[in-house]
Amino acid sequence: MKQYCALLALCAALACSGDPASPRGSIVVQTRTSRIDQDAGYSLHPEGFQSRFIPASGSVVVRDLPPGTHVFRLDGLTDNCSVAGGNRRIVYVGAGNATEIRFDVTCVAVTGVRRQMEK
């Protein structure tokens, strides 16, 4: 019984210690972009972490995030594209969990002035 109590006390101490090896979470970030004059991809900025490339219509996984609230920003859009709901997402990451967020991007056709060459 003494060994059982000692083992139980050790487990309780480890669970409350805030051990940096405790489970971390991840975020699956998806982008969906309309097909009219779309960008090749964007720059994804997880606040406090290194930015990375994300395809115009694709996904990336940001791993090893500590549990808590995180901010993600999508940048690098051309002038003819915009993000529904803005280019920032605030999301809670749970220990050992994967959470998904999505950026829906709409791009409009780029029009310009055409000039005819005189002969």
N, C-alpha and C. Protein backbone atom coordinates (compact mmCIF):
# COMPACT_ATOMS: atom_id res chain seq x y z
N MET A 1 0.82 -1.18 0.00
CA MET A 1 0.00 0.00 0.00
C MET A 1 0.87 1.25 0.00
N LYS A 2 2.00 1.19 0.74
CA LYS A 2 2.90 2.32 0.82
C LYS A 2 3.46 2.65 -0.56
N GLN A 3 3.83 1.62 -1.33
CA GLN A 3 4.38 1.84 -2.66
C GLN A 3 3.32 2.44 -3.60
N TYR A 4 2.09 1.99 -3.46
CA TYR A 4 0.99 2.51 -4.28
C TYR A 4 0.80 4.01 -4.00
N CYS A 5 0.81 4.40 -2.74
CA CYS A 5 0.63 5.81 -2.36
C CYS A 5 1.80 6.65 -2.86
N ALA A 6 3.01 6.11 -2.78
CA ALA A 6 4.19 6.84 -3.26
C ALA A 6 4.10 7.03 -4.78
N LEU A 7 3.68 6.01 -5.49
CA LEU A 7 3.53 6.10 -6.94
C LEU A 7 2.44 7.10 -7.30
N LEU A 8 1.34 7.08 -6.58
CA LEU A 8 0.25 8.01 -6.82
C LEU A 8 0.70 9.45 -6.56
N ALA A 9 1.47 9.67 -5.52
CA ALA A 9 1.97 11.01 -5.19
C ALA A 9 2.92 11.49 -6.29
N LEU A 10 3.76 10.62 -6.79
CA LEU A 10 4.70 10.97 -7.86
C LEU A 10 3.94 11.35 -9.13
N CYS A 11 2.94 10.58 -9.48
CA CYS A 11 2.14 10.88 -10.67
C CYS A 11 1.43 12.22 -10.52
N ALA A 12 0.89 12.50 -9.36
CA ALA A 12 0.20 13.77 -9.12
C ALA A 12 1.18 14.93 -9.22
N ALA A 13 2.38 14.76 -8.70
CA ALA A 13 3.38 15.83 -8.76
C ALA A 13 3.79 16.10 -10.19
N LEU A 14 3.97 15.07 -10.98
CA LEU A 14 4.35 15.26 -12.38
C LEU A 14 3.23 15.92 -13.18
N ALA A 15 2.00 15.56 -12.89
CA ALA A 15 0.86 16.12 -13.61
C ALA A 15 0.70 17.61 -13.33
N CYS A 16 1.08 18.06 -12.15
CA CYS A 16 0.91 19.47 -11.77
C CYS A 16 2.17 20.29 -11.96
N SER A 17 3.23 19.70 -12.45
CA SER A 17 4.51 20.40 -12.49
C SER A 17 4.66 21.35 -13.66
N GLY A 18 3.74 21.33 -14.66
CA GLY A 18 3.89 22.19 -15.82
C GLY A 18 5.08 21.76 -16.67
N ASP A 19 5.32 20.50 -16.70
CA ASP A 19 6.45 19.91 -17.43
C ASP A 19 6.44 20.38 -18.88
N PRO A 20 7.57 20.94 -19.40
CA PRO A 20 7.60 21.41 -20.79
C PRO A 20 7.41 20.28 -21.80
N ALA A 21 7.55 19.05 -21.35
CA ALA A 21 7.34 17.92 -22.26
C ALA A 21 5.86 17.52 -22.31
N SER A 22 5.00 18.31 -21.66
CA SER A 22 3.58 17.99 -21.67
C SER A 22 3.05 18.07 -23.10
N PRO A 23 1.92 17.42 -23.36
CA PRO A 23 1.39 17.38 -24.73
C PRO A 23 1.17 18.77 -25.30
N ARG A 24 1.54 18.92 -26.55
CA ARG A 24 1.35 20.18 -27.26
C ARG A 24 0.31 19.94 -28.35
N GLY A 25 -0.13 20.99 -28.96
CA GLY A 25 -1.17 20.86 -29.97
C GLY A 25 -0.68 21.25 -31.35
N SER A 26 -1.58 21.18 -32.30
CA SER A 26 -1.24 21.57 -33.67
C SER A 26 -2.46 22.24 -34.31
N ILE A 27 -2.18 22.98 -35.37
CA ILE A 27 -3.21 23.66 -36.14
C ILE A 27 -3.08 23.24 -37.59
N VAL A 28 -4.18 22.86 -38.20
CA VAL A 28 -4.22 22.61 -39.64
C VAL A 28 -4.83 23.86 -40.26
N VAL A 29 -4.04 24.56 -41.08
CA VAL A 29 -4.49 25.80 -41.71
C VAL A 29 -4.81 25.50 -43.16
N GLN A 30 -6.02 25.81 -43.58
CA GLN A 30 -6.45 25.59 -44.96
C GLN A 30 -6.70 26.92 -45.65
N THR A 31 -6.36 26.97 -46.94
CA THR A 31 -6.71 28.11 -47.77
C THR A 31 -7.52 27.61 -48.94
N ARG A 32 -8.52 28.39 -49.31
CA ARG A 32 -9.31 28.09 -50.52
C ARG A 32 -9.43 29.39 -51.29
N THR A 33 -8.94 29.38 -52.51
CA THR A 33 -8.89 30.60 -53.32
C THR A 33 -9.66 30.39 -54.61
N SER A 34 -10.43 31.43 -54.99
CA SER A 34 -11.16 31.37 -56.26
C SER A 34 -10.16 31.24 -57.41
N ARG A 35 -10.60 30.77 -58.54
CA ARG A 35 -9.71 30.44 -59.66
C ARG A 35 -9.49 31.59 -60.66
N ILE A 36 -10.01 32.76 -60.39
CA ILE A 36 -9.85 33.86 -61.35
C ILE A 36 -8.64 34.70 -60.95
N ASP A 37 -7.61 34.72 -61.77
CA ASP A 37 -6.40 35.51 -61.49
C ASP A 37 -5.93 35.34 -60.04
N GLN A 38 -5.81 34.10 -59.60
CA GLN A 38 -5.46 33.84 -58.21
C GLN A 38 -3.96 33.90 -57.97
N ASP A 39 -3.59 34.10 -56.73
CA ASP A 39 -2.20 34.09 -56.31
C ASP A 39 -1.70 32.64 -56.28
N ALA A 40 -0.37 32.48 -56.36
CA ALA A 40 0.22 31.14 -56.26
C ALA A 40 0.19 30.64 -54.82
N GLY A 41 0.29 31.55 -53.90
CA GLY A 41 0.29 31.18 -52.49
C GLY A 41 0.49 32.41 -51.63
N TYR A 42 0.55 32.18 -50.31
CA TYR A 42 0.58 33.26 -49.36
C TYR A 42 1.63 32.99 -48.29
N SER A 43 1.79 33.98 -47.43
CA SER A 43 2.68 33.85 -46.29
C SER A 43 1.81 33.72 -45.04
N LEU A 44 1.98 32.61 -44.33
CA LEU A 44 1.23 32.36 -43.11
C LEU A 44 2.11 32.73 -41.92
N HIS A 45 1.60 33.60 -41.05
CA HIS A 45 2.35 34.06 -39.89
C HIS A 45 1.68 33.60 -38.60
N PRO A 46 2.17 32.50 -38.00
CA PRO A 46 1.67 32.16 -36.66
C PRO A 46 2.39 33.07 -35.66
N GLU A 47 1.66 33.86 -34.90
CA GLU A 47 2.27 34.83 -33.99
C GLU A 47 3.26 34.15 -33.05
N GLY A 48 4.48 34.68 -33.03
CA GLY A 48 5.52 34.13 -32.16
C GLY A 48 6.30 32.98 -32.78
N PHE A 49 5.98 32.61 -34.01
CA PHE A 49 6.65 31.49 -34.68
C PHE A 49 7.06 31.93 -36.08
N GLN A 50 7.90 31.17 -36.71
CA GLN A 50 8.39 31.48 -38.05
C GLN A 50 7.27 31.40 -39.09
N SER A 51 7.26 32.38 -40.01
CA SER A 51 6.26 32.35 -41.07
C SER A 51 6.59 31.25 -42.06
N ARG A 52 5.61 30.86 -42.83
CA ARG A 52 5.81 29.78 -43.81
C ARG A 52 4.89 30.00 -45.01
N PHE A 53 5.24 29.36 -46.11
CA PHE A 53 4.45 29.43 -47.34
C PHE A 53 3.26 28.49 -47.22
N ILE A 54 2.11 28.96 -47.74
CA ILE A 54 0.92 28.11 -47.84
C ILE A 54 0.37 28.28 -49.25
N PRO A 55 0.05 27.20 -49.95
CA PRO A 55 -0.50 27.31 -51.31
C PRO A 55 -1.82 28.07 -51.33
N ALA A 56 -2.17 28.63 -52.47
CA ALA A 56 -3.42 29.39 -52.62
C ALA A 56 -4.63 28.53 -52.27
N SER A 57 -4.61 27.28 -52.64
CA SER A 57 -5.66 26.33 -52.26
C SER A 57 -4.96 25.07 -51.78
N GLY A 58 -4.75 25.01 -50.49
CA GLY A 58 -4.02 23.89 -49.91
C GLY A 58 -4.03 23.99 -48.40
N SER A 59 -3.09 23.31 -47.77
CA SER A 59 -3.04 23.33 -46.31
C SER A 59 -1.62 23.11 -45.81
N VAL A 60 -1.38 23.55 -44.58
CA VAL A 60 -0.14 23.27 -43.86
C VAL A 60 -0.52 22.93 -42.42
N VAL A 61 0.35 22.18 -41.78
CA VAL A 61 0.15 21.84 -40.37
C VAL A 61 1.23 22.55 -39.57
N VAL A 62 0.81 23.29 -38.58
CA VAL A 62 1.74 23.95 -37.66
C VAL A 62 1.73 23.12 -36.38
N ARG A 63 2.84 22.47 -36.11
CA ARG A 63 2.92 21.51 -35.00
C ARG A 63 3.64 22.09 -33.79
N ASP A 64 3.54 21.36 -32.71
CA ASP A 64 4.30 21.64 -31.50
C ASP A 64 3.97 23.00 -30.89
N LEU A 65 2.69 23.35 -30.89
CA LEU A 65 2.26 24.61 -30.29
C LEU A 65 1.87 24.38 -28.83
N PRO A 66 2.28 25.28 -27.95
CA PRO A 66 1.85 25.13 -26.55
C PRO A 66 0.35 25.38 -26.44
N PRO A 67 -0.32 24.71 -25.52
CA PRO A 67 -1.75 24.94 -25.34
C PRO A 67 -2.02 26.41 -25.03
N GLY A 68 -3.11 26.93 -25.57
CA GLY A 68 -3.48 28.32 -25.34
C GLY A 68 -3.99 28.97 -26.60
N THR A 69 -4.15 30.28 -26.55
CA THR A 69 -4.68 31.05 -27.67
C THR A 69 -3.54 31.47 -28.59
N HIS A 70 -3.75 31.32 -29.89
CA HIS A 70 -2.75 31.69 -30.89
C HIS A 70 -3.41 32.51 -31.99
N VAL A 71 -2.61 33.41 -32.57
CA VAL A 71 -3.09 34.27 -33.66
C VAL A 71 -2.35 33.89 -34.93
N PHE A 72 -3.11 33.72 -36.01
CA PHE A 72 -2.54 33.40 -37.32
C PHE A 72 -2.95 34.50 -38.29
N ARG A 73 -1.99 34.94 -39.11
CA ARG A 73 -2.25 36.00 -40.09
C ARG A 73 -1.83 35.51 -41.48
N LEU A 74 -2.65 35.82 -42.48
CA LEU A 74 -2.37 35.46 -43.87
C LEU A 74 -1.99 36.74 -44.61
N ASP A 75 -0.78 36.77 -45.17
CA ASP A 75 -0.29 37.95 -45.89
C ASP A 75 0.19 37.55 -47.27
N GLY A 76 0.52 38.56 -48.06
CA GLY A 76 1.08 38.32 -49.40
C GLY A 76 0.03 38.24 -50.48
N LEU A 77 -1.17 38.72 -50.20
CA LEU A 77 -2.22 38.71 -51.22
C LEU A 77 -1.99 39.85 -52.21
N THR A 78 -2.30 39.60 -53.46
CA THR A 78 -2.22 40.67 -54.45
C THR A 78 -3.43 41.58 -54.28
N ASP A 79 -3.38 42.74 -54.93
CA ASP A 79 -4.44 43.74 -54.77
C ASP A 79 -5.81 43.26 -55.23
N ASN A 80 -5.85 42.27 -56.11
CA ASN A 80 -7.14 41.80 -56.61
C ASN A 80 -7.75 40.68 -55.75
N CYS A 81 -7.12 40.37 -54.62
CA CYS A 81 -7.62 39.29 -53.75
C CYS A 81 -7.92 39.82 -52.35
N SER A 82 -8.93 39.22 -51.71
CA SER A 82 -9.28 39.58 -50.33
C SER A 82 -9.69 38.33 -49.57
N VAL A 83 -9.57 38.39 -48.23
CA VAL A 83 -9.88 37.25 -47.37
C VAL A 83 -11.23 37.50 -46.68
N ALA A 84 -12.14 36.54 -46.80
CA ALA A 84 -13.43 36.63 -46.11
C ALA A 84 -13.20 36.64 -44.60
N GLY A 85 -13.76 37.63 -43.93
CA GLY A 85 -13.61 37.69 -42.47
C GLY A 85 -12.29 38.30 -42.02
N GLY A 86 -11.48 38.81 -42.94
CA GLY A 86 -10.19 39.40 -42.59
C GLY A 86 -9.06 38.40 -42.63
N ASN A 87 -7.84 38.90 -42.54
CA ASN A 87 -6.67 38.03 -42.69
C ASN A 87 -6.11 37.52 -41.37
N ARG A 88 -6.83 37.70 -40.24
CA ARG A 88 -6.40 37.19 -38.93
C ARG A 88 -7.40 36.17 -38.41
N ARG A 89 -6.85 35.13 -37.78
CA ARG A 89 -7.69 34.15 -37.09
C ARG A 89 -7.11 33.95 -35.69
N ILE A 90 -7.99 33.95 -34.70
CA ILE A 90 -7.59 33.67 -33.32
C ILE A 90 -8.18 32.32 -32.96
N VAL A 91 -7.33 31.42 -32.48
CA VAL A 91 -7.78 30.05 -32.24
C VAL A 91 -7.15 29.52 -30.96
N TYR A 92 -7.90 28.68 -30.26
CA TYR A 92 -7.40 28.03 -29.05
C TYR A 92 -6.84 26.66 -29.42
N VAL A 93 -5.64 26.38 -28.94
CA VAL A 93 -4.99 25.08 -29.17
C VAL A 93 -5.03 24.32 -27.86
N GLY A 94 -5.61 23.13 -27.90
CA GLY A 94 -5.66 22.28 -26.72
C GLY A 94 -4.49 21.31 -26.70
N ALA A 95 -4.08 20.89 -25.51
CA ALA A 95 -2.97 19.95 -25.36
C ALA A 95 -3.30 18.64 -26.05
N GLY A 96 -2.44 18.23 -26.95
CA GLY A 96 -2.61 16.96 -27.65
C GLY A 96 -3.67 16.97 -28.73
N ASN A 97 -4.23 18.14 -29.05
CA ASN A 97 -5.31 18.23 -30.03
C ASN A 97 -4.85 18.92 -31.31
N ALA A 98 -5.55 18.61 -32.40
CA ALA A 98 -5.35 19.30 -33.67
C ALA A 98 -6.61 20.11 -33.95
N THR A 99 -6.43 21.39 -34.25
CA THR A 99 -7.54 22.29 -34.53
C THR A 99 -7.42 22.76 -35.97
N GLU A 100 -8.53 23.01 -36.64
CA GLU A 100 -8.50 23.47 -38.02
C GLU A 100 -9.00 24.90 -38.12
N ILE A 101 -8.34 25.67 -39.00
CA ILE A 101 -8.83 27.00 -39.35
C ILE A 101 -8.75 27.13 -40.87
N ARG A 102 -9.55 28.04 -41.42
CA ARG A 102 -9.60 28.18 -42.87
C ARG A 102 -9.64 29.66 -43.26
N PHE A 103 -8.92 29.96 -44.32
CA PHE A 103 -8.96 31.28 -44.93
C PHE A 103 -9.57 31.12 -46.32
N ASP A 104 -10.72 31.76 -46.55
CA ASP A 104 -11.34 31.75 -47.88
C ASP A 104 -10.96 33.04 -48.59
N VAL A 105 -10.28 32.90 -49.71
CA VAL A 105 -9.77 34.04 -50.46
C VAL A 105 -10.52 34.15 -51.78
N THR A 106 -10.95 35.36 -52.10
CA THR A 106 -11.62 35.62 -53.37
C THR A 106 -10.76 36.57 -54.18
N CYS A 107 -10.50 36.19 -55.42
CA CYS A 107 -9.73 37.03 -56.33
C CYS A 107 -10.62 37.39 -57.52
N VAL A 108 -10.54 38.63 -57.95
CA VAL A 108 -11.31 39.08 -59.10
C VAL A 108 -10.38 39.21 -60.29
N ALA A 109 -10.98 39.20 -61.47
CA ALA A 109 -10.19 39.30 -62.70
C ALA A 109 -9.46 40.63 -62.75
N VAL A 110 -8.23 40.56 -63.20
CA VAL A 110 -7.43 41.78 -63.36
C VAL A 110 -7.67 42.29 -64.77
N THR A 111 -8.10 43.55 -64.85
CA THR A 111 -8.33 44.14 -66.17
C THR A 111 -7.33 45.27 -66.35
N GLY A 112 -6.98 45.51 -67.57
CA GLY A 112 -6.02 46.56 -67.87
C GLY A 112 -6.40 47.26 -69.16
N VAL A 113 -5.65 48.25 -69.49
CA VAL A 113 -5.88 49.01 -70.72
C VAL A 113 -5.07 48.37 -71.84
N ARG A 114 -5.75 48.10 -72.94
CA ARG A 114 -5.06 47.53 -74.10
C ARG A 114 -4.89 48.62 -75.14
N ARG A 115 -3.70 48.72 -75.69
CA ARG A 115 -3.44 49.69 -76.73
C ARG A 115 -3.09 48.97 -78.02
N GLN A 116 -3.61 49.46 -79.08
CA GLN A 116 -3.26 48.88 -80.38
C GLN A 116 -2.05 49.63 -80.93
N MET A 117 -1.17 48.87 -81.49
CA MET A 117 0.02 49.46 -82.10
C MET A 117 -0.34 49.96 -83.50
N GLU A 118 0.09 51.15 -83.83
CA GLU A 118 -0.13 51.68 -85.17
C GLU A 118 0.94 51.14 -86.12
N LYS A 119 0.53 50.89 -87.36
CA LYS A 119 1.47 50.39 -88.35
C LYS A 119 2.12 51.50 -89.09
